[in-house]
Amino acid sequence: MRYPLSYEFHRKRAIAEFMGSRALNSFRKQILHRSFIPKTGNEYYVDFLHAIDDCCDFLHINLKTFSEYFDNHRVWAQQLWEESKGNANYFNETLAQKYADKNIVANCVYSFSLKYSYDALTYYLNRLTAANTSVTLCDFGCANAHLSFAMLRRQLITHLELCDLPGLVEDFIKFRNTKYGLNTITWQDAAHFTVKENHFDAVICFDVLEHLPNPSKVLSTVLYPILKPGGYLFMQAPWGGGVPSHLD
């Protein structure tokens, strides 16, 4: 599936400018480098730009507002954590209801600011694709599902199941699904997740476990059982947003 590569270079430079020192210097230098222009085939940056563009389109904001949301996300996240008094359920539910738009923006930047996550997914899913006619992936606690969406559009997986709390994030997923004509996606409410044993070739669980009251139980009773024998679990924790968590 090919991207519509209609971005202008000044748009990419504007995105690089708002990133500023909030990303690794090497990441910023690569964005500003001419090799960043999509016609060179650098899929990582193309996927990042499309994620930003999708966020702006869905939220009806421009890059300046996108940048402001990202600049301030640590403040409201910390305030929400203090307000929740360690109650992970309250934190997650309030995040999904009150700060969903700003969380969509923060999640976008964090998903792509750690390039090794993207590279690891690409490498191992390529191996799965080479050995299987179809590859099913579950993105557990998917949030915006930026990375798993990128893998689906790259045709490294054939079916994607997303799981998170309902609300604006679910609407955003549907928006992207319609925008790109991706009809191989299913959605599950995290509060009523159905365990499908030995069902998925791979599972993504990024920045999720540290928000759960009992992460070990989720690992043993949910994530491990749904993997096929020999399947891959891609896990990352704790969340880089600076909010205290169970895994600190």
Protein backbone atom coordinates (compact mmCIF):
# COMPACT_ATOMS: atom_id res chain seq x y z
CA MET A 1 0.00 0.00 0.00
CA ARG A 2 1.63 3.24 -1.14
CA TYR A 3 1.45 6.57 0.63
CA PRO A 4 0.28 9.72 -1.12
CA LEU A 5 3.66 11.50 -0.89
CA SER A 6 2.37 15.03 -1.38
CA TYR A 7 4.15 16.74 1.54
CA GLU A 8 6.19 19.88 0.91
CA PHE A 9 9.64 20.29 2.43
CA HIS A 10 8.67 23.43 4.39
CA ARG A 11 6.01 21.39 6.19
CA LYS A 12 8.59 18.88 7.30
CA ARG A 13 10.89 21.65 8.44
CA ALA A 14 8.06 23.18 10.50
CA ILE A 15 7.55 19.84 12.21
CA ALA A 16 11.27 19.60 12.91
CA GLU A 17 11.24 23.07 14.45
CA PHE A 18 8.50 22.26 16.93
CA MET A 19 10.37 19.08 17.93
CA GLY A 20 13.38 21.21 18.92
CA SER A 21 15.34 19.88 21.89
CA ARG A 22 12.45 17.66 23.00
CA ALA A 23 13.80 14.87 20.84
CA LEU A 24 17.24 13.34 20.62
CA ASN A 25 19.69 15.58 18.77
CA SER A 26 20.44 12.83 16.28
CA PHE A 27 16.73 12.45 15.58
CA ARG A 28 16.37 16.18 14.93
CA LYS A 29 19.44 16.26 12.69
CA GLN A 30 18.06 13.42 10.60
CA ILE A 31 14.73 15.22 10.23
CA LEU A 32 16.49 18.38 9.02
CA HIS A 33 18.80 16.43 6.73
CA ARG A 34 17.85 16.25 3.07
CA SER A 35 17.62 12.46 3.29
CA PHE A 36 14.45 13.06 5.30
CA ILE A 37 12.51 13.95 2.13
CA PRO A 38 10.13 10.99 1.53
CA LYS A 39 11.21 10.40 -2.09
CA THR A 40 14.41 8.88 -0.66
CA GLY A 41 12.29 6.05 0.70
CA ASN A 42 12.89 6.65 4.40
CA GLU A 43 9.71 4.97 5.60
CA TYR A 44 10.23 5.79 9.27
CA TYR A 45 9.96 9.55 8.74
CA VAL A 46 7.12 9.21 6.27
CA ASP A 47 5.13 7.24 8.86
CA PHE A 48 5.90 9.85 11.52
CA LEU A 49 4.71 12.69 9.30
CA HIS A 50 1.51 10.89 8.44
CA ALA A 51 0.83 10.29 12.13
CA ILE A 52 1.23 14.00 12.86
CA ASP A 53 -0.93 14.92 9.91
CA ASP A 54 -3.64 12.49 11.05
CA CYS A 55 -3.61 14.00 14.55
CA CYS A 56 -3.99 17.52 13.19
CA ASP A 57 -6.76 16.52 10.77
CA PHE A 58 -8.72 14.61 13.38
CA LEU A 59 -8.43 17.24 16.11
CA HIS A 60 -8.85 20.17 13.67
CA ILE A 61 -5.67 21.83 14.90
CA ASN A 62 -2.58 23.25 13.21
CA LEU A 63 1.07 22.46 13.90
CA LYS A 64 1.38 25.37 16.34
CA THR A 65 -1.42 23.97 18.53
CA PHE A 66 0.02 20.47 18.14
CA SER A 67 3.30 21.79 19.48
CA GLU A 68 1.62 23.57 22.41
CA TYR A 69 -0.21 20.39 23.39
CA PHE A 70 3.06 18.49 23.43
CA ASP A 71 4.88 21.23 25.35
CA ASN A 72 2.31 21.16 28.16
CA HIS A 73 1.51 17.48 28.38
CA ARG A 74 3.86 16.74 31.29
CA VAL A 75 2.16 19.39 33.41
CA TRP A 76 -1.38 18.06 33.08
CA ALA A 77 -0.20 14.44 33.28
CA GLN A 78 1.54 15.11 36.59
CA GLN A 79 -1.48 17.02 37.92
CA LEU A 80 -3.77 14.16 36.95
CA TRP A 81 -1.52 11.61 38.66
CA GLU A 82 -1.50 13.64 41.88
CA GLU A 83 -5.26 14.02 41.66
CA SER A 84 -5.70 10.27 41.20
CA LYS A 85 -3.68 9.55 44.39
CA GLY A 86 -2.21 6.40 42.89
CA ASN A 87 -5.53 5.03 41.60
CA ALA A 88 -4.55 3.69 38.17
CA ASN A 89 -8.15 3.15 37.06
CA TYR A 90 -9.08 6.74 37.88
CA PHE A 91 -5.98 8.01 36.10
CA ASN A 92 -6.68 6.01 32.92
CA GLU A 93 -10.38 6.81 32.79
CA THR A 94 -9.88 10.54 33.38
CA LEU A 95 -7.06 10.58 30.84
CA ALA A 96 -9.37 9.03 28.24
CA GLN A 97 -12.20 11.44 28.99
CA LYS A 98 -10.66 14.79 29.92
CA TYR A 99 -7.28 14.84 28.21
CA ALA A 100 -7.80 12.54 25.25
CA ASP A 101 -7.00 15.18 22.61
CA LYS A 102 -3.74 16.21 24.27
CA ASN A 103 -2.83 12.61 24.96
CA ILE A 104 -3.27 11.79 21.27
CA VAL A 105 -0.65 14.44 20.47
CA ALA A 106 1.81 13.36 23.18
CA ASN A 107 1.44 9.72 22.19
CA CYS A 108 2.19 10.59 18.57
CA VAL A 109 5.55 12.17 19.36
CA TYR A 110 6.61 9.55 21.90
CA SER A 111 5.70 6.69 19.58
CA PHE A 112 8.18 7.88 16.99
CA SER A 113 10.82 9.56 19.15
CA LEU A 114 12.27 6.16 20.04
CA LYS A 115 13.28 4.83 16.64
CA TYR A 116 14.49 1.51 17.99
CA SER A 117 10.86 0.53 18.69
CA TYR A 118 9.95 1.12 15.06
CA ASP A 119 13.06 -0.71 13.85
CA ALA A 120 12.45 -3.70 16.12
CA LEU A 121 8.85 -4.06 14.95
CA THR A 122 9.88 -3.78 11.31
CA TYR A 123 12.68 -6.34 11.65
CA TYR A 124 10.76 -9.06 13.47
CA LEU A 125 7.49 -8.59 11.59
CA ASN A 126 9.44 -8.90 8.35
CA ARG A 127 10.67 -12.27 9.63
CA LEU A 128 7.12 -13.34 10.47
CA THR A 129 5.82 -12.19 7.10
CA ALA A 130 8.53 -14.13 5.27
CA ALA A 131 7.53 -17.33 7.06
CA ASN A 132 3.72 -16.93 7.09
CA THR A 133 1.03 -16.12 4.56
CA SER A 134 -0.82 -14.08 7.20
CA VAL A 135 0.31 -12.34 10.38
CA THR A 136 -2.11 -11.29 13.12
CA LEU A 137 -1.08 -8.69 15.68
CA CYS A 138 -2.76 -7.41 18.86
CA ASP A 139 -1.86 -3.92 20.07
CA PHE A 140 -2.83 -4.17 23.74
CA GLY A 141 -3.40 -0.75 25.29
CA CYS A 142 -2.92 0.69 21.83
CA ALA A 143 -3.67 4.38 22.51
CA ASN A 144 -3.28 5.94 19.04
CA ALA A 145 -1.78 2.74 17.63
CA HIS A 146 0.69 4.78 15.58
CA LEU A 147 3.32 2.07 15.30
CA SER A 148 0.94 -0.81 14.64
CA PHE A 149 -0.90 1.31 12.05
CA ALA A 150 2.45 1.92 10.34
CA MET A 151 3.16 -1.83 10.30
CA LEU A 152 -0.26 -2.53 8.81
CA ARG A 153 0.16 0.07 6.10
CA ARG A 154 3.58 -1.40 5.34
CA GLN A 155 1.82 -4.76 4.82
CA LEU A 156 3.91 -6.42 7.53
CA ILE A 157 0.71 -7.68 9.18
CA THR A 158 -2.56 -8.82 7.67
CA HIS A 159 -4.90 -8.31 10.63
CA LEU A 160 -4.65 -5.87 13.52
CA GLU A 161 -6.67 -6.07 16.72
CA LEU A 162 -6.63 -2.95 18.89
CA CYS A 163 -7.48 -2.80 22.56
CA ASP A 164 -7.92 0.27 24.76
CA LEU A 165 -10.51 2.26 26.67
CA PRO A 166 -13.37 3.63 24.53
CA GLY A 167 -13.75 7.33 23.84
CA LEU A 168 -11.95 9.83 21.65
CA VAL A 169 -9.08 7.43 21.00
CA GLU A 170 -11.49 4.88 19.56
CA ASP A 171 -12.95 7.62 17.34
CA PHE A 172 -9.45 8.50 16.18
CA ILE A 173 -8.76 4.87 15.27
CA LYS A 174 -11.96 4.76 13.20
CA PHE A 175 -10.99 8.06 11.54
CA ARG A 176 -7.63 6.66 10.44
CA ASN A 177 -9.17 3.38 9.37
CA THR A 178 -11.56 5.25 7.07
CA LYS A 179 -8.90 7.67 5.83
CA TYR A 180 -6.55 4.91 4.68
CA GLY A 181 -9.17 2.31 3.77
CA LEU A 182 -7.84 -0.23 6.28
CA ASN A 183 -10.53 -2.87 6.64
CA THR A 184 -8.49 -5.45 8.52
CA ILE A 185 -8.83 -3.93 11.99
CA THR A 186 -10.95 -5.00 14.96
CA TRP A 187 -11.43 -3.19 18.26
CA GLN A 188 -11.86 -4.44 21.84
CA ASP A 189 -12.77 -2.48 24.94
CA ALA A 190 -9.91 -2.99 27.40
CA ALA A 191 -12.36 -3.25 30.29
CA HIS A 192 -13.99 -6.30 28.67
CA PHE A 193 -11.08 -7.87 26.85
CA THR A 194 -11.75 -11.35 25.50
CA VAL A 195 -8.72 -13.63 25.70
CA LYS A 196 -8.31 -15.56 22.45
CA GLU A 197 -5.82 -18.30 23.28
CA ASN A 198 -3.03 -19.06 20.78
CA HIS A 199 -4.50 -16.53 18.38
CA PHE A 200 -1.88 -13.84 17.62
CA ASP A 201 1.51 -14.09 15.94
CA ALA A 202 2.65 -10.96 17.76
CA VAL A 203 1.51 -8.66 20.56
CA ILE A 204 2.50 -5.05 21.21
CA CYS A 205 2.26 -3.71 24.75
CA PHE A 206 4.00 -0.33 24.86
CA ASP A 207 3.73 1.99 27.88
CA VAL A 208 0.80 0.10 29.37
CA LEU A 209 1.84 -2.24 32.17
CA GLU A 210 3.08 0.54 34.43
CA HIS A 211 -0.46 1.95 34.54
CA LEU A 212 -2.05 -1.33 35.67
CA PRO A 213 -2.58 -2.33 39.31
CA ASN A 214 -1.30 -5.87 38.66
CA PRO A 215 0.97 -5.98 35.58
CA SER A 216 2.28 -9.48 36.37
CA LYS A 217 -1.23 -10.89 36.25
CA VAL A 218 -1.89 -9.26 32.88
CA LEU A 219 1.33 -10.74 31.52
CA SER A 220 0.51 -14.26 32.69
CA THR A 221 -3.25 -14.41 32.14
CA VAL A 222 -3.76 -12.17 29.09
CA LEU A 223 -0.67 -11.46 26.99
CA TYR A 224 1.03 -14.85 27.23
CA PRO A 225 -2.08 -16.95 26.49
CA ILE A 226 -3.12 -15.01 23.39
CA LEU A 227 0.25 -15.56 21.68
CA LYS A 228 0.74 -18.49 19.33
CA PRO A 229 3.67 -20.79 20.18
CA GLY A 230 6.80 -19.01 19.00
CA GLY A 231 5.00 -15.68 18.80
CA TYR A 232 6.62 -12.33 19.58
CA LEU A 233 5.80 -10.03 22.48
CA PHE A 234 6.98 -6.44 22.05
CA MET A 235 6.91 -4.75 25.43
CA GLN A 236 8.08 -1.34 26.63
CA ALA A 237 7.79 0.24 30.07
CA PRO A 238 7.68 2.45 31.98
CA TRP A 239 6.04 5.34 30.20
CA GLY A 240 8.40 8.19 29.30
CA GLY A 241 6.00 10.91 30.40
CA GLY A 242 7.50 11.29 33.85
CA VAL A 243 4.36 10.27 35.75
CA PRO A 244 5.07 7.87 38.67
CA SER A 245 4.06 4.31 37.93
CA HIS A 246 3.87 0.85 39.44
CA LEU A 247 7.08 -0.21 37.67
CA ASP A 248 9.31 2.70 38.69
